Amino acid sequence: SAVKPNEVSIVALVSACANLGALSQGAWAHLY
């Protein structure tokens, strides 16, 4: 979409990665 994530969006993404144990996606979010 045309909407850029902010810190709140990133917290939600990283929290989901934590629940899944999805290290690659979580590390991508950190780099983002």
All heavy atoms as atom14 arrays in JSON, in Angstrom:
{
  "sequence": "SAVKPNEVSIVALVSACANLGALSQGAWAHLY",
  "atom14_mask": [
    [1, 1, 1, 1, 1, 1, 0, 0, 0, 0, 0, 0, 0, 0],
    [1, 1, 1, 1, 1, 0, 0, 0, 0, 0, 0, 0, 0, 0],
    [1, 1, 1, 1, 1, 1, 1, 0, 0, 0, 0, 0, 0, 0],
    [1, 1, 1, 1, 1, 1, 1, 1, 1, 0, 0, 0, 0, 0],
    [1, 1, 1, 1, 1, 1, 1, 0, 0, 0, 0, 0, 0, 0],
    [1, 1, 1, 1, 1, 1, 1, 1, 0, 0, 0, 0, 0, 0],
    [1, 1, 1, 1, 1, 1, 1, 1, 1, 0, 0, 0, 0, 0],
    [1, 1, 1, 1, 1, 1, 1, 0, 0, 0, 0, 0, 0, 0],
    [1, 1, 1, 1, 1, 1, 0, 0, 0, 0, 0, 0, 0, 0],
    [1, 1, 1, 1, 1, 1, 1, 1, 0, 0, 0, 0, 0, 0],
    [1, 1, 1, 1, 1, 1, 1, 0, 0, 0, 0, 0, 0, 0],
    [1, 1, 1, 1, 1, 0, 0, 0, 0, 0, 0, 0, 0, 0],
    [1, 1, 1, 1, 1, 1, 1, 1, 0, 0, 0, 0, 0, 0],
    [1, 1, 1, 1, 1, 1, 1, 0, 0, 0, 0, 0, 0, 0],
    [1, 1, 1, 1, 1, 1, 0, 0, 0, 0, 0, 0, 0, 0],
    [1, 1, 1, 1, 1, 0, 0, 0, 0, 0, 0, 0, 0, 0],
    [1, 1, 1, 1, 1, 1, 0, 0, 0, 0, 0, 0, 0, 0],
    [1, 1, 1, 1, 1, 0, 0, 0, 0, 0, 0, 0, 0, 0],
    [1, 1, 1, 1, 1, 1, 1, 1, 0, 0, 0, 0, 0, 0],
    [1, 1, 1, 1, 1, 1, 1, 1, 0, 0, 0, 0, 0, 0],
    [1, 1, 1, 1, 0, 0, 0, 0, 0, 0, 0, 0, 0, 0],
    [1, 1, 1, 1, 1, 0, 0, 0, 0, 0, 0, 0, 0, 0],
    [1, 1, 1, 1, 1, 1, 1, 1, 0, 0, 0, 0, 0, 0],
    [1, 1, 1, 1, 1, 1, 0, 0, 0, 0, 0, 0, 0, 0],
    [1, 1, 1, 1, 1, 1, 1, 1, 1, 0, 0, 0, 0, 0],
    [1, 1, 1, 1, 0, 0, 0, 0, 0, 0, 0, 0, 0, 0],
    [1, 1, 1, 1, 1, 0, 0, 0, 0, 0, 0, 0, 0, 0],
    [1, 1, 1, 1, 1, 1, 1, 1, 1, 1, 1, 1, 1, 1],
    [1, 1, 1, 1, 1, 0, 0, 0, 0, 0, 0, 0, 0, 0],
    [1, 1, 1, 1, 1, 1, 1, 1, 1, 1, 0, 0, 0, 0],
    [1, 1, 1, 1, 1, 1, 1, 1, 0, 0, 0, 0, 0, 0],
    [1, 1, 1, 1, 1, 1, 1, 1, 1, 1, 1, 1, 0, 0]
  ],
  "atom14_positions": [
    [[0.85, -1.19, 0.0], [0.0, 0.0, 0.0], [0.89, 1.24, 0.0], [2.11, 1.15, 0.03], [-0.92, 0.01, 1.23], [-0.18, 0.29, 2.4], [0.0, 0.0, 0.0], [0.0, 0.0, 0.0], [0.0, 0.0, 0.0], [0.0, 0.0, 0.0], [0.0, 0.0, 0.0], [0.0, 0.0, 0.0], [0.0, 0.0, 0.0], [0.0, 0.0, 0.0]],
    [[0.25, 2.39, 0.01], [1.02, 3.64, 0.01], [1.43, 4.05, 1.43], [2.12, 5.05, 1.61], [0.18, 4.75, -0.63], [0.0, 0.0, 0.0], [0.0, 0.0, 0.0], [0.0, 0.0, 0.0], [0.0, 0.0, 0.0], [0.0, 0.0, 0.0], [0.0, 0.0, 0.0], [0.0, 0.0, 0.0], [0.0, 0.0, 0.0], [0.0, 0.0, 0.0]],
    [[1.01, 3.27, 2.42], [1.25, 3.62, 3.83], [2.59, 3.03, 4.3], [2.86, 1.84, 4.1], [0.11, 3.1, 4.72], [0.37, 3.44, 6.18], [-1.22, 3.68, 4.27], [0.0, 0.0, 0.0], [0.0, 0.0, 0.0], [0.0, 0.0, 0.0], [0.0, 0.0, 0.0], [0.0, 0.0, 0.0], [0.0, 0.0, 0.0], [0.0, 0.0, 0.0]],
    [[3.4, 3.86, 4.91], [4.69, 3.41, 5.44], [4.54, 3.03, 6.91], [3.93, 3.77, 7.68], [5.74, 4.52, 5.3], [6.04, 4.91, 3.87], [6.65, 3.74, 3.1], [6.95, 4.12, 1.66], [7.43, 2.95, 0.89], [0.0, 0.0, 0.0], [0.0, 0.0, 0.0], [0.0, 0.0, 0.0], [0.0, 0.0, 0.0], [0.0, 0.0, 0.0]],
    [[5.11, 1.89, 7.32], [5.0, 1.47, 8.73], [5.71, 2.46, 9.65], [6.68, 3.12, 9.26], [5.73, 0.11, 8.76], [5.86, -0.3, 7.34], [5.89, 0.95, 6.53], [0.0, 0.0, 0.0], [0.0, 0.0, 0.0], [0.0, 0.0, 0.0], [0.0, 0.0, 0.0], [0.0, 0.0, 0.0], [0.0, 0.0, 0.0], [0.0, 0.0, 0.0]],
    [[5.22, 2.56, 10.89], [5.93, 3.31, 11.92], [6.33, 2.35, 13.03], [6.24, 1.13, 12.89], [5.09, 4.48, 12.43], [3.86, 4.04, 13.22], [3.57, 2.84, 13.32], [3.14, 4.99, 13.76], [0.0, 0.0, 0.0], [0.0, 0.0, 0.0], [0.0, 0.0, 0.0], [0.0, 0.0, 0.0], [0.0, 0.0, 0.0], [0.0, 0.0, 0.0]],
    [[6.77, 2.89, 14.16], [7.26, 2.05, 15.26], [6.19, 1.11, 15.79], [6.48, -0.03, 16.17], [7.8, 2.92, 16.4], [9.1, 3.63, 16.1], [8.95, 4.91, 15.3], [7.8, 5.27, 14.96], [9.97, 5.56, 14.99], [0.0, 0.0, 0.0], [0.0, 0.0, 0.0], [0.0, 0.0, 0.0], [0.0, 0.0, 0.0], [0.0, 0.0, 0.0]],
    [[4.93, 1.56, 15.81], [3.83, 0.71, 16.29], [3.66, -0.5, 15.38], [3.48, -1.64, 15.85], [2.52, 1.51, 16.39], [1.35, 0.6, 16.81], [2.66, 2.67, 17.37], [0.0, 0.0, 0.0], [0.0, 0.0, 0.0], [0.0, 0.0, 0.0], [0.0, 0.0, 0.0], [0.0, 0.0, 0.0], [0.0, 0.0, 0.0], [0.0, 0.0, 0.0]],
    [[3.74, -0.27, 14.07], [3.62, -1.37, 13.1], [4.75, -2.37, 13.29], [4.52, -3.6, 13.27], [3.68, -0.84, 11.66], [3.09, 0.43, 11.53], [0.0, 0.0, 0.0], [0.0, 0.0, 0.0], [0.0, 0.0, 0.0], [0.0, 0.0, 0.0], [0.0, 0.0, 0.0], [0.0, 0.0, 0.0], [0.0, 0.0, 0.0], [0.0, 0.0, 0.0]],
    [[5.94, -1.87, 13.51], [7.12, -2.73, 13.66], [7.02, -3.57, 14.92], [7.37, -4.76, 14.94], [8.41, -1.9, 13.66], [8.6, -1.2, 12.32], [9.62, -2.76, 13.99], [8.79, -2.14, 11.14], [0.0, 0.0, 0.0], [0.0, 0.0, 0.0], [0.0, 0.0, 0.0], [0.0, 0.0, 0.0], [0.0, 0.0, 0.0], [0.0, 0.0, 0.0]],
    [[6.53, -2.97, 16.0], [6.37, -3.72, 17.26], [5.42, -4.9, 17.04], [5.68, -6.01, 17.51], [5.85, -2.8, 18.39], [5.37, -3.62, 19.59], [6.94, -1.84, 18.83], [0.0, 0.0, 0.0], [0.0, 0.0, 0.0], [0.0, 0.0, 0.0], [0.0, 0.0, 0.0], [0.0, 0.0, 0.0], [0.0, 0.0, 0.0], [0.0, 0.0, 0.0]],
    [[4.32, -4.67, 16.31], [3.37, -5.76, 16.04], [4.03, -6.85, 15.21], [3.89, -8.05, 15.5], [2.14, -5.21, 15.31], [0.0, 0.0, 0.0], [0.0, 0.0, 0.0], [0.0, 0.0, 0.0], [0.0, 0.0, 0.0], [0.0, 0.0, 0.0], [0.0, 0.0, 0.0], [0.0, 0.0, 0.0], [0.0, 0.0, 0.0], [0.0, 0.0, 0.0]],
    [[4.78, -6.46, 14.18], [5.46, -7.44, 13.32], [6.47, -8.26, 14.12], [6.5, -9.49, 14.04], [6.18, -6.7, 12.18], [7.11, -7.55, 11.31], [6.31, -8.59, 10.52], [7.91, -6.66, 10.36], [0.0, 0.0, 0.0], [0.0, 0.0, 0.0], [0.0, 0.0, 0.0], [0.0, 0.0, 0.0], [0.0, 0.0, 0.0], [0.0, 0.0, 0.0]],
    [[7.29, -7.58, 14.9], [8.34, -8.26, 15.67], [7.72, -9.18, 16.72], [8.22, -10.29, 16.95], [9.29, -7.23, 16.32], [10.27, -7.9, 17.28], [10.05, -6.46, 15.25], [0.0, 0.0, 0.0], [0.0, 0.0, 0.0], [0.0, 0.0, 0.0], [0.0, 0.0, 0.0], [0.0, 0.0, 0.0], [0.0, 0.0, 0.0], [0.0, 0.0, 0.0]],
    [[6.63, -8.76, 17.32], [5.95, -9.6, 18.32], [5.41, -10.87, 17.69], [5.47, -11.95, 18.29], [4.81, -8.82, 18.98], [5.3, -7.69, 19.66], [0.0, 0.0, 0.0], [0.0, 0.0, 0.0], [0.0, 0.0, 0.0], [0.0, 0.0, 0.0], [0.0, 0.0, 0.0], [0.0, 0.0, 0.0], [0.0, 0.0, 0.0], [0.0, 0.0, 0.0]],
    [[4.87, -10.76, 16.47], [4.38, -11.94, 15.76], [5.54, -12.89, 15.45], [5.42, -14.11, 15.58], [3.67, -11.53, 14.47], [0.0, 0.0, 0.0], [0.0, 0.0, 0.0], [0.0, 0.0, 0.0], [0.0, 0.0, 0.0], [0.0, 0.0, 0.0], [0.0, 0.0, 0.0], [0.0, 0.0, 0.0], [0.0, 0.0, 0.0], [0.0, 0.0, 0.0]],
    [[6.68, -12.33, 15.04], [7.87, -13.15, 14.78], [8.33, -13.87, 16.05], [8.77, -15.02, 15.99], [9.0, -12.29, 14.24], [8.69, -11.61, 12.58], [0.0, 0.0, 0.0], [0.0, 0.0, 0.0], [0.0, 0.0, 0.0], [0.0, 0.0, 0.0], [0.0, 0.0, 0.0], [0.0, 0.0, 0.0], [0.0, 0.0, 0.0], [0.0, 0.0, 0.0]],
    [[8.22, -13.2, 17.18], [8.6, -13.81, 18.46], [7.71, -15.01, 18.75], [8.19, -16.07, 19.17], [8.49, -12.78, 19.58], [0.0, 0.0, 0.0], [0.0, 0.0, 0.0], [0.0, 0.0, 0.0], [0.0, 0.0, 0.0], [0.0, 0.0, 0.0], [0.0, 0.0, 0.0], [0.0, 0.0, 0.0], [0.0, 0.0, 0.0], [0.0, 0.0, 0.0]],
    [[6.4, -14.87, 18.52], [5.47, -15.97, 18.77], [5.75, -17.17, 17.87], [5.6, -18.32, 18.28], [4.02, -15.51, 18.56], [3.55, -14.58, 19.65], [4.03, -14.63, 20.77], [2.6, -13.71, 19.33], [0.0, 0.0, 0.0], [0.0, 0.0, 0.0], [0.0, 0.0, 0.0], [0.0, 0.0, 0.0], [0.0, 0.0, 0.0], [0.0, 0.0, 0.0]],
    [[6.17, -16.89, 16.65], [6.41, -17.96, 15.67], [7.82, -18.53, 15.76], [8.11, -19.6, 15.21], [6.18, -17.43, 14.25], [4.74, -17.08, 13.87], [4.73, -16.29, 12.57], [3.91, -18.34, 13.74], [0.0, 0.0, 0.0], [0.0, 0.0, 0.0], [0.0, 0.0, 0.0], [0.0, 0.0, 0.0], [0.0, 0.0, 0.0], [0.0, 0.0, 0.0]],
    [[8.71, -17.79, 16.43], [10.12, -18.18, 16.4], [10.72, -17.95, 15.02], [11.67, -18.63, 14.63], [0.0, 0.0, 0.0], [0.0, 0.0, 0.0], [0.0, 0.0, 0.0], [0.0, 0.0, 0.0], [0.0, 0.0, 0.0], [0.0, 0.0, 0.0], [0.0, 0.0, 0.0], [0.0, 0.0, 0.0], [0.0, 0.0, 0.0], [0.0, 0.0, 0.0]],
    [[10.16, -16.99, 14.29], [10.58, -16.71, 12.9], [11.75, -15.74, 12.92], [11.58, -14.52, 12.79], [9.4, -16.14, 12.11], [0.0, 0.0, 0.0], [0.0, 0.0, 0.0], [0.0, 0.0, 0.0], [0.0, 0.0, 0.0], [0.0, 0.0, 0.0], [0.0, 0.0, 0.0], [0.0, 0.0, 0.0], [0.0, 0.0, 0.0], [0.0, 0.0, 0.0]],
    [[12.95, -16.28, 13.09], [14.15, -15.44, 13.25], [14.45, -14.62, 12.0], [14.78, -13.44, 12.09], [15.35, -16.32, 13.6], [16.7, -15.62, 13.73], [16.65, -14.56, 14.82], [17.81, -16.63, 14.0], [0.0, 0.0, 0.0], [0.0, 0.0, 0.0], [0.0, 0.0, 0.0], [0.0, 0.0, 0.0], [0.0, 0.0, 0.0], [0.0, 0.0, 0.0]],
    [[14.34, -15.23, 10.82], [14.68, -14.52, 9.58], [13.82, -13.28, 9.39], [14.32, -12.19, 9.09], [14.53, -15.45, 8.37], [15.4, -16.54, 8.47], [0.0, 0.0, 0.0], [0.0, 0.0, 0.0], [0.0, 0.0, 0.0], [0.0, 0.0, 0.0], [0.0, 0.0, 0.0], [0.0, 0.0, 0.0], [0.0, 0.0, 0.0], [0.0, 0.0, 0.0]],
    [[12.5, -13.44, 9.6], [11.59, -12.31, 9.45], [11.83, -11.26, 10.53], [11.76, -10.05, 10.28], [10.14, -12.78, 9.49], [9.71, -13.56, 8.26], [9.96, -15.05, 8.39], [10.82, -15.48, 9.17], [9.22, -15.85, 7.65], [0.0, 0.0, 0.0], [0.0, 0.0, 0.0], [0.0, 0.0, 0.0], [0.0, 0.0, 0.0], [0.0, 0.0, 0.0]],
    [[12.12, -11.72, 11.75], [12.4, -10.78, 12.84], [13.67, -9.99, 12.61], [13.73, -8.78, 12.86], [0.0, 0.0, 0.0], [0.0, 0.0, 0.0], [0.0, 0.0, 0.0], [0.0, 0.0, 0.0], [0.0, 0.0, 0.0], [0.0, 0.0, 0.0], [0.0, 0.0, 0.0], [0.0, 0.0, 0.0], [0.0, 0.0, 0.0], [0.0, 0.0, 0.0]],
    [[14.71, -10.67, 12.11], [15.97, -9.99, 11.79], [15.78, -9.0, 10.65], [16.37, -7.91, 10.63], [17.03, -11.03, 11.44], [0.0, 0.0, 0.0], [0.0, 0.0, 0.0], [0.0, 0.0, 0.0], [0.0, 0.0, 0.0], [0.0, 0.0, 0.0], [0.0, 0.0, 0.0], [0.0, 0.0, 0.0], [0.0, 0.0, 0.0], [0.0, 0.0, 0.0]],
    [[14.92, -9.39, 9.66], [14.6, -8.46, 8.57], [13.96, -7.19, 9.12], [14.29, -6.08, 8.68], [13.66, -9.13, 7.57], [13.24, -8.22, 6.45], [13.85, -8.02, 5.26], [12.1, -7.33, 6.47], [13.17, -7.09, 4.52], [12.1, -6.64, 5.23], [11.09, -7.06, 7.4], [11.12, -5.7, 4.92], [10.12, -6.11, 7.08], [10.14, -5.44, 5.84]],
    [[13.04, -7.35, 10.07], [12.36, -6.18, 10.67], [13.39, -5.29, 11.37], [13.32, -4.06, 11.29], [11.3, -6.65, 11.65], [0.0, 0.0, 0.0], [0.0, 0.0, 0.0], [0.0, 0.0, 0.0], [0.0, 0.0, 0.0], [0.0, 0.0, 0.0], [0.0, 0.0, 0.0], [0.0, 0.0, 0.0], [0.0, 0.0, 0.0], [0.0, 0.0, 0.0]],
    [[14.35, -5.9, 12.05], [15.4, -5.14, 12.74], [16.2, -4.33, 11.72], [16.47, -3.14, 11.92], [16.31, -6.12, 13.5], [17.28, -5.45, 14.41], [18.17, -6.14, 15.2], [17.51, -4.14, 14.67], [18.89, -5.3, 15.9], [18.52, -4.07, 15.6], [0.0, 0.0, 0.0], [0.0, 0.0, 0.0], [0.0, 0.0, 0.0], [0.0, 0.0, 0.0]],
    [[16.57, -4.97, 10.62], [17.34, -4.28, 9.57], [16.51, -3.18, 8.93], [17.03, -2.1, 8.61], [17.76, -5.3, 8.51], [18.73, -4.81, 7.43], [20.05, -4.39, 8.05], [18.97, -5.91, 6.38], [0.0, 0.0, 0.0], [0.0, 0.0, 0.0], [0.0, 0.0, 0.0], [0.0, 0.0, 0.0], [0.0, 0.0, 0.0], [0.0, 0.0, 0.0]],
    [[15.21, -3.41, 8.78], [14.3, -2.42, 8.2], [14.3, -1.14, 9.05], [14.31, -0.02, 8.52], [12.9, -3.01, 8.12], [11.87, -2.13, 7.45], [11.71, -2.16, 6.07], [11.06, -1.28, 8.2], [10.76, -1.35, 5.44], [10.1, -0.48, 7.59], [9.96, -0.51, 6.21], [9.03, 0.29, 5.6], [0.0, 0.0, 0.0], [0.0, 0.0, 0.0]]
  ]
}
